[in-house]
Amino acid sequence: MLFNSFIFLFAFLPVAYVVFWALRSIQARYVWLTLTGYVFYGYWNPKFCLLMAFSTLVSYTAGLGLSHWTDPRRRKMCLVVPIVIDLALLAFFKYANFAADTARGVLHVLGTDVTIPHLNIILPIGISFYTFHTITYIVDSYRGVIKPTRNLFEFSTYVSLFSQLVAGPIVRFRQIEEDLENLGTNDRHRWLHRGVSFFIVGLVEKVIVADSLAAFVDPALARYTELSTIGTWLAMLGYTFQLYFDFSGYSTMAVGLGYLFGIRIPQNFNSPYKALDPSDFWQRWHISLSSCLRDYLYIPLGGNRHGEWNTYRNLMLTMLFGGLWHGAAWTFVVWGMYHGVLLAAYRLGARWWDPLPARVRQISMFFLVVVGWVFFRATSFSMAATLLRNMFSPVAGANVADPLLAAAVIGVAAWWAMRGPNAFDMNLEWTWGRRVALTVAAAASLAIIAGARPSPFLYFQF
């Protein structure tokens, strides 16, 4: 089910909202949010609800064990076993065919052709996100950062919360624990205006900006071999902003939906194209993922505590894993490695980079990010090589459809992303003028949705 669909906006959400606030007990609200989460998820493919329920029960049971046992060996078992189970499920559904294809290719290069079957596996939407939810919960419970909940439905609410279930943000239990505990006494009106405002801003980001960019980006990149240098740059700049506004739009809507149900979901994007250096970029882009990689991988590997070379190793391993998390393809691994190199280079050269004018650093960083998105968007290294060649050597060929309109849409998107405010920067208190603006924005978004088939969010594939 899509946030930008009529069935969600005019059926699922109103029913979920009205029933939730009509219920008086906290347990009833936990049960209802769990039920709505499974209905929301099952609308796509009901059978995968069993997979999420299994992961939930495994992690919940591990949490009970961690809260009950003090014996180090038993606690270690409660840490390792559920994480292995979660990662094994993720590895099977997301990476089994990738591993098989890689093995087949390596053996072919070595002169041995082996028949390794390609499995008919459907990737469950959102499995990477809810797997990170359960893993962070187990690790934080083991570390004593949180006290594991004994309430199964409180935990299942956390895992299956429909607002952030299939495309994040990756919310840690400790970030919303207080709101979950107060779910039975929350005031419906407390964050109503903020929730509606965030949701409409996110809807505009997705429906008006991202989908307008997709209208010329997707067809252009579908025939990337025919594009001229100008056409390739317009397509890649369009994709750069399409990806941001698509994912930021989802995250902003998720925050708004959280507010509507009394749960404060943390910010996931903080105007990343305003970043002045690689480190700054990763503190602004997909904040929930980058902070998880830092806290649960980079720091446990040693962080920057054991010398410069170990620090660079840890940076590269973390970013390689981050690239692989995004998708089962070597292009994603190279994208992660590319950003690992940028972070390492900045660590080496910060004393020369930081004194440069802020605008120079911002534009330079933006340029480096656009180059990196080539590997993120490419479906093969051949496609990536062609796009990079077209971008950096004069090539005649086709342009994007209606290049002047495309340039205008890119210009608007560039201003908002690189100069304008994000949703968390905006004053969302309801004045008469802001109500009118939000109403017009919502009406425009609904008109576009009515006139075209709702488009899925790009991060659903991850």
Protein backbone atom coordinates (compact mmCIF):
# COMPACT_ATOMS: atom_id res chain seq x y z
CA MET A 1 0.00 0.00 0.00
CA LEU A 2 1.35 3.41 -0.97
CA PHE A 3 1.08 6.60 1.07
CA ASN A 4 0.35 8.40 -2.22
CA SER A 5 -2.68 6.28 -3.11
CA PHE A 6 -6.38 6.94 -2.62
CA ILE A 7 -6.95 3.65 -0.81
CA PHE A 8 -4.43 4.71 1.82
CA LEU A 9 -5.50 8.35 2.05
CA PHE A 10 -9.27 7.85 2.06
CA ALA A 11 -9.76 4.36 3.48
CA PHE A 12 -6.87 2.87 5.45
CA LEU A 13 -5.59 6.01 7.19
CA PRO A 14 -8.98 7.45 8.31
CA VAL A 15 -10.07 4.07 9.73
CA ALA A 16 -6.72 3.50 11.44
CA TYR A 17 -6.78 7.00 12.93
CA VAL A 18 -10.40 7.09 14.12
CA VAL A 19 -10.33 3.63 15.71
CA PHE A 20 -6.96 4.27 17.37
CA TRP A 21 -8.17 7.39 19.19
CA ALA A 22 -11.53 5.80 20.01
CA LEU A 23 -9.70 3.06 21.93
CA ARG A 24 -9.00 3.98 25.56
CA SER A 25 -6.50 1.47 26.88
CA ILE A 26 -2.85 1.36 25.94
CA GLN A 27 -3.01 -2.38 25.28
CA ALA A 28 -5.89 -1.94 22.84
CA ARG A 29 -3.90 0.72 21.02
CA TYR A 30 -0.85 -1.56 20.82
CA VAL A 31 -3.02 -4.32 19.37
CA TRP A 32 -4.66 -1.95 16.90
CA LEU A 33 -1.36 -0.50 15.65
CA THR A 34 0.02 -4.02 15.28
CA LEU A 35 -3.06 -5.08 13.33
CA THR A 36 -2.95 -2.03 11.07
CA GLY A 37 0.76 -2.63 10.46
CA TYR A 38 0.09 -6.17 9.30
CA VAL A 39 -2.86 -5.10 7.15
CA PHE A 40 -0.72 -2.38 5.58
CA TYR A 41 2.13 -4.84 4.93
CA GLY A 42 -0.12 -7.70 3.89
CA TYR A 43 -1.85 -5.55 1.27
CA TRP A 44 1.22 -6.17 -0.90
CA ASN A 45 1.70 -9.89 -0.16
CA PRO A 46 -0.01 -11.43 2.90
CA LYS A 47 2.29 -14.44 3.16
CA PHE A 48 5.27 -12.28 4.09
CA CYS A 49 3.43 -11.19 7.24
CA LEU A 50 4.41 -14.59 8.64
CA LEU A 51 8.07 -13.79 8.04
CA MET A 52 7.81 -10.49 9.91
CA ALA A 53 5.84 -12.15 12.72
CA PHE A 54 8.51 -14.85 13.05
CA SER A 55 11.30 -12.25 13.22
CA THR A 56 9.29 -10.30 15.79
CA LEU A 57 8.73 -13.33 18.03
CA VAL A 58 12.39 -14.38 17.86
CA SER A 59 13.61 -10.92 18.86
CA TYR A 60 10.94 -10.48 21.54
CA THR A 61 11.88 -13.84 23.10
CA ALA A 62 15.55 -12.88 23.02
CA GLY A 63 14.69 -9.65 24.82
CA LEU A 64 12.87 -11.59 27.54
CA GLY A 65 15.93 -13.78 27.97
CA LEU A 66 18.22 -10.78 28.25
CA SER A 67 16.01 -9.20 30.88
CA HIS A 68 15.80 -12.45 32.88
CA TRP A 69 19.29 -13.96 32.70
CA THR A 70 22.50 -12.54 34.14
CA ASP A 71 24.69 -15.50 33.15
CA PRO A 72 27.10 -14.20 30.45
CA ARG A 73 26.87 -17.35 28.31
CA ARG A 74 23.07 -17.29 28.20
CA ARG A 75 23.04 -13.56 27.48
CA LYS A 76 25.52 -14.09 24.67
CA MET A 77 23.25 -16.76 23.26
CA CYS A 78 20.29 -14.34 23.38
CA LEU A 79 22.41 -11.86 21.46
CA VAL A 80 23.93 -14.11 18.81
CA VAL A 81 21.12 -16.56 17.97
CA PRO A 82 18.39 -14.06 17.01
CA ILE A 83 20.84 -11.87 15.08
CA VAL A 84 22.05 -14.90 13.14
CA ILE A 85 18.45 -15.88 12.40
CA ASP A 86 17.54 -12.35 11.26
CA LEU A 87 20.63 -12.01 9.09
CA ALA A 88 20.15 -15.50 7.65
CA LEU A 89 16.61 -14.62 6.57
CA LEU A 90 17.82 -11.33 5.08
CA ALA A 91 20.72 -13.08 3.34
CA PHE A 92 18.47 -15.74 1.81
CA PHE A 93 15.79 -13.44 0.45
CA LYS A 94 18.05 -10.57 -0.60
CA TYR A 95 21.45 -12.05 -1.38
CA ALA A 96 21.09 -15.75 -2.26
CA ASN A 97 20.89 -15.19 -6.01
CA PHE A 98 23.55 -12.48 -5.84
CA ALA A 99 25.93 -14.93 -4.15
CA ALA A 100 25.07 -17.65 -6.65
CA ASP A 101 25.58 -15.37 -9.64
CA THR A 102 28.88 -14.11 -8.22
CA ALA A 103 30.13 -17.64 -7.60
CA ARG A 104 29.11 -18.68 -11.10
CA GLY A 105 30.96 -15.71 -12.60
CA VAL A 106 34.14 -16.30 -10.57
CA LEU A 107 34.22 -19.99 -11.50
CA HIS A 108 33.74 -19.11 -15.17
CA VAL A 109 36.73 -16.74 -15.04
CA LEU A 110 38.75 -19.56 -13.45
CA GLY A 111 37.81 -21.82 -16.33
CA THR A 112 35.15 -23.90 -14.63
CA ASP A 113 31.52 -23.69 -15.66
CA VAL A 114 29.21 -24.92 -12.91
CA THR A 115 25.43 -24.91 -13.09
CA ILE A 116 24.17 -23.01 -10.07
CA PRO A 117 20.40 -22.57 -10.28
CA HIS A 118 18.83 -19.13 -10.04
CA LEU A 119 16.22 -19.33 -7.29
CA ASN A 120 12.75 -17.92 -7.81
CA ILE A 121 12.84 -15.67 -4.74
CA ILE A 122 10.59 -12.67 -4.15
CA LEU A 123 12.27 -9.99 -2.05
CA PRO A 124 9.92 -9.01 0.80
CA ILE A 125 9.41 -5.25 0.81
CA GLY A 126 11.00 -3.57 3.81
CA ILE A 127 12.87 -6.62 5.09
CA SER A 128 16.13 -4.64 5.39
CA PHE A 129 14.40 -2.01 7.51
CA TYR A 130 12.53 -4.19 9.99
CA THR A 131 15.55 -6.50 10.28
CA PHE A 132 17.61 -3.51 11.42
CA HIS A 133 14.83 -2.64 13.87
CA THR A 134 14.99 -6.04 15.52
CA ILE A 135 18.80 -6.21 15.51
CA THR A 136 19.25 -2.78 17.10
CA TYR A 137 16.68 -3.74 19.74
CA ILE A 138 18.57 -6.93 20.63
CA VAL A 139 21.98 -5.22 20.71
CA ASP A 140 20.69 -2.31 22.82
CA SER A 141 19.04 -4.77 25.20
CA TYR A 142 22.29 -6.71 25.52
CA ARG A 143 24.28 -3.53 26.13
CA GLY A 144 21.82 -2.37 28.77
CA VAL A 145 20.92 0.74 26.78
CA ILE A 146 17.23 -0.19 26.99
CA LYS A 147 15.17 -2.42 29.21
CA PRO A 148 13.46 -5.04 27.01
CA THR A 149 9.71 -4.77 27.03
CA ARG A 150 7.65 -7.65 28.39
CA ASN A 151 4.64 -6.55 26.38
CA LEU A 152 4.56 -8.48 23.10
CA PHE A 153 2.18 -6.04 21.47
CA GLU A 154 4.29 -3.04 22.45
CA PHE A 155 7.24 -4.67 20.72
CA SER A 156 5.18 -5.73 17.71
CA THR A 157 3.90 -2.16 17.44
CA TYR A 158 7.51 -1.00 17.27
CA VAL A 159 8.44 -3.51 14.56
CA SER A 160 5.29 -3.26 12.43
CA LEU A 161 4.47 0.45 12.78
CA PHE A 162 3.04 1.11 9.32
CA SER A 163 4.34 4.67 9.05
CA GLN A 164 7.97 3.52 8.82
CA LEU A 165 7.65 -0.19 8.11
CA VAL A 166 8.68 -0.59 4.49
CA ALA A 167 11.12 2.28 3.81
CA GLY A 168 12.21 3.63 7.16
CA PRO A 169 13.50 5.59 8.89
CA ILE A 170 15.30 2.88 10.85
CA VAL A 171 13.90 3.78 14.25
CA ARG A 172 15.60 2.42 17.34
CA PHE A 173 13.37 1.30 20.18
CA ARG A 174 14.96 3.77 22.58
CA GLN A 175 14.05 6.66 20.25
CA ILE A 176 10.30 6.06 20.58
CA GLU A 177 10.17 4.07 23.84
CA GLU A 178 8.81 7.02 25.83
CA ASP A 179 6.06 7.67 23.30
CA LEU A 180 5.13 3.98 23.20
CA GLU A 181 4.90 3.92 27.00
CA ASN A 182 2.63 6.99 26.92
CA LEU A 183 0.45 5.76 24.09
CA GLY A 184 -2.54 5.28 26.36
CA THR A 185 -2.56 8.86 27.69
CA ASN A 186 -1.51 10.88 24.65
CA ASP A 187 -3.64 13.84 23.62
CA ARG A 188 -4.96 13.51 20.07
CA HIS A 189 -4.69 17.25 19.46
CA ARG A 190 -1.16 17.71 20.81
CA TRP A 191 0.69 17.02 17.55
CA LEU A 192 -2.23 16.97 15.11
CA HIS A 193 -1.22 20.13 13.22
CA ARG A 194 2.42 19.08 13.03
CA GLY A 195 1.44 15.63 11.80
CA VAL A 196 -0.79 16.94 9.02
CA SER A 197 1.82 19.55 8.02
CA PHE A 198 4.67 17.04 7.84
CA PHE A 199 2.53 14.62 5.84
CA ILE A 200 1.51 17.24 3.28
CA VAL A 201 5.08 18.52 2.87
CA GLY A 202 6.23 14.94 2.27
CA LEU A 203 3.39 14.36 -0.19
CA VAL A 204 4.48 17.43 -2.14
CA GLU A 205 8.09 16.22 -2.15
CA LYS A 206 7.05 12.87 -3.58
CA VAL A 207 4.10 13.60 -5.86
CA ILE A 208 4.91 17.05 -7.21
CA VAL A 209 8.71 17.15 -7.17
CA ALA A 210 10.07 13.57 -7.32
CA ASP A 211 7.44 12.22 -9.72
CA SER A 212 7.78 15.27 -11.99
CA LEU A 213 11.51 14.56 -12.20
CA ALA A 214 10.85 10.85 -12.80
CA ALA A 215 8.69 11.72 -15.81
CA PHE A 216 11.78 12.60 -17.84
CA VAL A 217 14.56 10.87 -15.86
CA ASP A 218 13.22 7.32 -16.12
CA PRO A 219 12.62 7.35 -19.92
CA ALA A 220 16.00 8.99 -20.52
CA LEU A 221 17.96 6.48 -18.45
CA ALA A 222 16.03 3.64 -20.08
CA ARG A 223 17.84 4.62 -23.32
CA TYR A 224 21.07 5.83 -21.74
CA THR A 225 23.23 4.62 -24.66
CA GLU A 226 21.56 7.19 -26.93
CA LEU A 227 22.04 10.22 -24.66
CA SER A 228 24.27 13.16 -25.44
CA THR A 229 26.53 14.75 -22.84
CA ILE A 230 23.90 17.37 -22.03
CA GLY A 231 21.17 14.75 -21.96
CA THR A 232 23.20 12.55 -19.61
CA TRP A 233 23.89 15.42 -17.22
CA LEU A 234 20.23 16.45 -17.19
CA ALA A 235 19.19 12.83 -16.54
CA MET A 236 21.71 12.35 -13.71
CA LEU A 237 20.97 15.72 -12.11
CA GLY A 238 17.28 14.89 -12.35
CA TYR A 239 17.90 11.51 -10.75
CA THR A 240 19.98 13.11 -7.99
CA PHE A 241 17.03 15.25 -6.94
CA GLN A 242 14.43 12.58 -7.73
CA LEU A 243 16.09 10.14 -5.33
CA TYR A 244 16.35 12.75 -2.60
CA PHE A 245 12.80 14.06 -2.80
CA ASP A 246 11.36 10.56 -3.24
CA PHE A 247 13.05 9.15 -0.13
CA SER A 248 12.89 12.36 1.87
CA GLY A 249 9.22 12.62 0.96
CA TYR A 250 8.55 9.14 2.33
CA SER A 251 10.49 9.87 5.51
CA THR A 252 8.71 13.20 5.99
CA MET A 253 5.32 11.53 5.55
CA ALA A 254 6.39 8.84 8.02
CA VAL A 255 7.20 11.54 10.57
CA GLY A 256 3.81 13.14 9.99
CA LEU A 257 1.98 9.84 10.39
CA GLY A 258 3.92 9.18 13.58
CA TYR A 259 2.76 12.49 15.03
CA LEU A 260 -0.85 11.67 14.14
CA PHE A 261 -0.62 8.60 16.39
CA GLY A 262 1.39 10.24 19.16
CA ILE A 263 4.81 8.86 18.17
CA ARG A 264 7.77 11.11 17.37
CA ILE A 265 9.80 9.52 14.56
CA PRO A 266 13.26 11.09 14.23
CA GLN A 267 14.49 13.11 11.26
CA ASN A 268 16.05 11.07 8.46
CA PHE A 269 17.18 13.81 6.05
CA ASN A 270 18.69 17.16 6.95
CA SER A 271 19.19 18.86 3.57
CA PRO A 272 22.07 16.56 2.51
CA TYR A 273 22.89 18.54 -0.63
CA LYS A 274 23.87 21.44 1.61
CA ALA A 275 26.72 19.27 2.91
CA LEU A 276 30.20 20.79 2.84
CA ASP A 277 32.23 17.58 3.00
CA PRO A 278 31.75 13.78 2.92
CA SER A 279 31.41 13.48 6.69
CA ASP A 280 28.81 16.25 6.71
CA PHE A 281 26.91 14.51 3.90
CA TRP A 282 26.58 11.28 5.89
CA GLN A 283 25.37 13.19 8.92
CA ARG A 284 22.56 14.54 6.73
CA TRP A 285 21.69 11.72 4.28
CA HIS A 286 19.64 8.73 5.51
CA ILE A 287 20.60 9.66 9.07
CA SER A 288 18.98 6.60 10.62
CA LEU A 289 21.07 4.22 8.49
CA SER A 290 24.36 6.11 8.76
CA SER A 291 24.03 6.38 12.55
CA CYS A 292 23.24 2.65 12.79
CA LEU A 293 26.28 1.79 10.70
CA ARG A 294 28.37 4.03 12.95
CA ASP A 295 27.06 2.68 16.26
CA TYR A 296 26.66 -1.00 15.41
CA LEU A 297 29.48 -1.59 12.95
CA TYR A 298 32.10 1.17 12.71
CA ILE A 299 32.56 1.69 16.47
CA PRO A 300 32.51 -2.06 17.33
CA LEU A 301 35.16 -2.58 14.63
CA GLY A 302 37.32 -0.12 16.55
CA GLY A 303 36.27 3.18 15.04
CA ASN A 304 39.17 5.59 15.08
CA ARG A 305 40.65 4.28 18.33
CA HIS A 306 43.46 2.07 17.00
CA GLY A 307 45.52 4.15 14.63
CA GLU A 308 45.06 5.76 11.24
CA TRP A 309 45.25 2.66 9.04
CA ASN A 310 42.76 0.76 11.16
CA THR A 311 40.48 3.78 11.01
CA TYR A 312 40.59 3.75 7.19
CA ARG A 313 39.96 0.01 7.18
CA ASN A 314 36.93 0.45 9.43
CA LEU A 315 35.61 3.27 7.26
CA MET A 316 35.90 1.17 4.11
CA LEU A 317 34.33 -1.93 5.66
CA THR A 318 31.43 0.14 7.03
CA MET A 319 30.73 1.87 3.74
CA LEU A 320 31.09 -1.38 1.75
CA PHE A 321 28.48 -2.94 4.03
CA GLY A 322 26.31 0.16 3.65
CA GLY A 323 26.49 -0.17 -0.12
CA LEU A 324 25.63 -3.86 -0.01
CA TRP A 325 22.72 -3.15 2.35
CA HIS A 326 21.13 -1.07 -0.40
CA GLY A 327 21.04 -3.85 -2.93
CA ALA A 328 22.37 -7.21 -4.05
CA ALA A 329 24.61 -5.92 -6.85
CA TRP A 330 28.28 -5.07 -7.21
CA THR A 331 27.35 -1.58 -8.39
CA PHE A 332 26.04 -0.86 -4.88
CA VAL A 333 29.24 -2.24 -3.38
CA VAL A 334 31.28 0.09 -5.60
CA TRP A 335 29.03 3.01 -4.61
CA GLY A 336 29.71 2.22 -0.95
CA MET A 337 33.45 1.91 -1.65
CA TYR A 338 33.38 5.24 -3.48
CA HIS A 339 31.94 6.99 -0.44
CA GLY A 340 34.40 5.16 1.80
CA VAL A 341 37.23 6.60 -0.31
CA LEU A 342 35.68 10.08 -0.08
CA LEU A 343 35.47 9.82 3.73
CA ALA A 344 39.07 8.59 3.95
CA ALA A 345 40.29 11.32 1.60
CA TYR A 346 38.50 13.97 3.63
CA ARG A 347 40.04 12.62 6.82
CA LEU A 348 43.46 12.96 5.19
CA GLY A 349 42.90 16.35 3.63
CA ALA A 350 40.46 18.17 5.93
CA ARG A 351 43.06 20.77 6.88
CA TRP A 352 43.22 21.87 3.22
CA TRP A 353 39.53 21.40 2.44
CA ASP A 354 37.92 23.14 5.41
CA PRO A 355 39.45 26.62 4.82
CA LEU A 356 37.87 26.80 1.34
CA PRO A 357 34.78 29.04 0.94
CA ALA A 358 31.57 27.31 2.03
CA ARG A 359 29.93 27.66 -1.40
CA VAL A 360 32.92 26.07 -3.11
CA ARG A 361 32.82 23.14 -0.70
CA GLN A 362 29.07 22.69 -1.11
CA ILE A 363 29.15 22.69 -4.91
CA SER A 364 32.20 20.42 -5.00
CA MET A 365 30.59 17.96 -2.59
CA PHE A 366 27.39 18.00 -4.60
CA PHE A 367 29.37 17.23 -7.76
CA LEU A 368 31.07 14.26 -6.05
CA VAL A 369 27.69 12.96 -4.85
CA VAL A 370 26.22 13.16 -8.36
CA VAL A 371 29.12 11.10 -9.71
CA GLY A 372 28.50 8.52 -7.00
CA TRP A 373 24.82 8.26 -7.88
CA VAL A 374 25.85 6.92 -11.29
CA PHE A 375 26.87 3.63 -9.66
CA PHE A 376 23.79 3.68 -7.43
CA ARG A 377 21.42 4.06 -10.39
CA ALA A 378 23.24 1.89 -12.92
CA THR A 379 21.99 -1.65 -13.35
CA SER A 380 25.42 -2.78 -14.59
CA PHE A 381 29.00 -1.60 -14.77
CA SER A 382 28.53 -1.21 -18.51
CA MET A 383 25.73 1.28 -17.89
CA ALA A 384 27.83 3.12 -15.28
CA ALA A 385 30.80 3.33 -17.66
CA THR A 386 28.61 4.65 -20.47
CA LEU A 387 27.03 7.32 -18.26
CA LEU A 388 30.41 8.45 -16.90
CA ARG A 389 31.93 8.55 -20.37
CA ASN A 390 29.03 10.63 -21.65
CA MET A 391 29.27 12.99 -18.68
CA PHE A 392 32.99 13.67 -19.01
CA SER A 393 33.63 13.56 -22.74
CA PRO A 394 31.63 15.39 -25.44
CA VAL A 395 29.12 13.02 -27.01
CA ALA A 396 26.41 13.79 -29.53
CA GLY A 397 23.06 12.11 -29.17
CA ALA A 398 19.57 12.41 -27.79
CA ASN A 399 18.43 14.75 -25.07
CA VAL A 400 15.84 14.23 -22.38
CA ALA A 401 12.24 14.86 -23.36
CA ASP A 402 11.40 18.58 -23.28
CA PRO A 403 14.83 19.70 -22.00
CA LEU A 404 13.75 23.25 -21.16
CA LEU A 405 10.94 21.99 -18.89
CA ALA A 406 13.32 19.41 -17.41
CA ALA A 407 15.88 22.11 -16.65
CA ALA A 408 13.18 24.25 -15.01
CA VAL A 409 12.02 21.37 -12.77
CA ILE A 410 15.63 20.59 -11.87
CA GLY A 411 16.15 24.27 -11.03
CA VAL A 412 13.19 24.31 -8.63
CA ALA A 413 14.32 21.05 -7.03
CA ALA A 414 17.90 22.34 -6.75
CA TRP A 415 16.78 25.52 -5.01
CA TRP A 416 14.67 23.62 -2.46
CA ALA A 417 17.31 20.96 -1.82
CA MET A 418 20.38 23.22 -1.74
CA ARG A 419 19.05 26.56 -0.52
CA GLY A 420 15.52 26.13 0.82
CA PRO A 421 14.26 24.71 4.12
CA ASN A 422 13.52 21.06 4.76
CA ALA A 423 10.38 20.06 6.67
CA PHE A 424 12.14 20.25 10.05
CA ASP A 425 13.36 23.78 9.28
CA MET A 426 9.87 25.04 8.45
CA ASN A 427 7.56 26.77 10.87
CA LEU A 428 4.65 24.35 10.90
CA GLU A 429 2.40 26.19 13.32
CA TRP A 430 -0.99 26.70 11.70
CA THR A 431 -1.66 30.30 10.78
CA TRP A 432 -4.36 31.27 8.31
CA GLY A 433 -1.81 31.71 5.54
CA ARG A 434 -0.12 28.37 6.20
CA ARG A 435 -3.47 26.58 6.25
CA VAL A 436 -4.25 27.99 2.81
CA ALA A 437 -0.81 27.01 1.51
CA LEU A 438 -1.08 23.47 2.88
CA THR A 439 -4.60 23.09 1.50
CA VAL A 440 -3.49 24.19 -1.97
CA ALA A 441 -0.45 21.89 -1.82
CA ALA A 442 -2.58 18.93 -0.73
CA ALA A 443 -5.19 19.63 -3.43
CA ALA A 444 -2.50 19.84 -6.12
CA SER A 445 -0.97 16.56 -4.96
CA LEU A 446 -4.35 14.81 -4.93
CA ALA A 447 -5.12 16.13 -8.41
CA ILE A 448 -1.88 14.63 -9.70
CA ILE A 449 -2.58 11.32 -7.94
CA ALA A 450 -6.07 11.25 -9.47
CA GLY A 451 -4.67 11.84 -12.94
CA ALA A 452 -1.95 9.22 -12.85
CA ARG A 453 -1.22 5.83 -11.36
CA PRO A 454 0.50 6.19 -7.95
CA SER A 455 4.22 5.54 -8.31
CA PRO A 456 6.08 3.36 -5.78
CA PHE A 457 8.81 4.87 -3.65
CA LEU A 458 12.33 4.17 -4.90
CA TYR A 459 13.53 2.81 -1.56
CA PHE A 460 10.89 0.05 -1.57
CA GLN A 461 13.42 -2.02 -3.53
CA PHE A 462 15.91 -1.87 -0.66
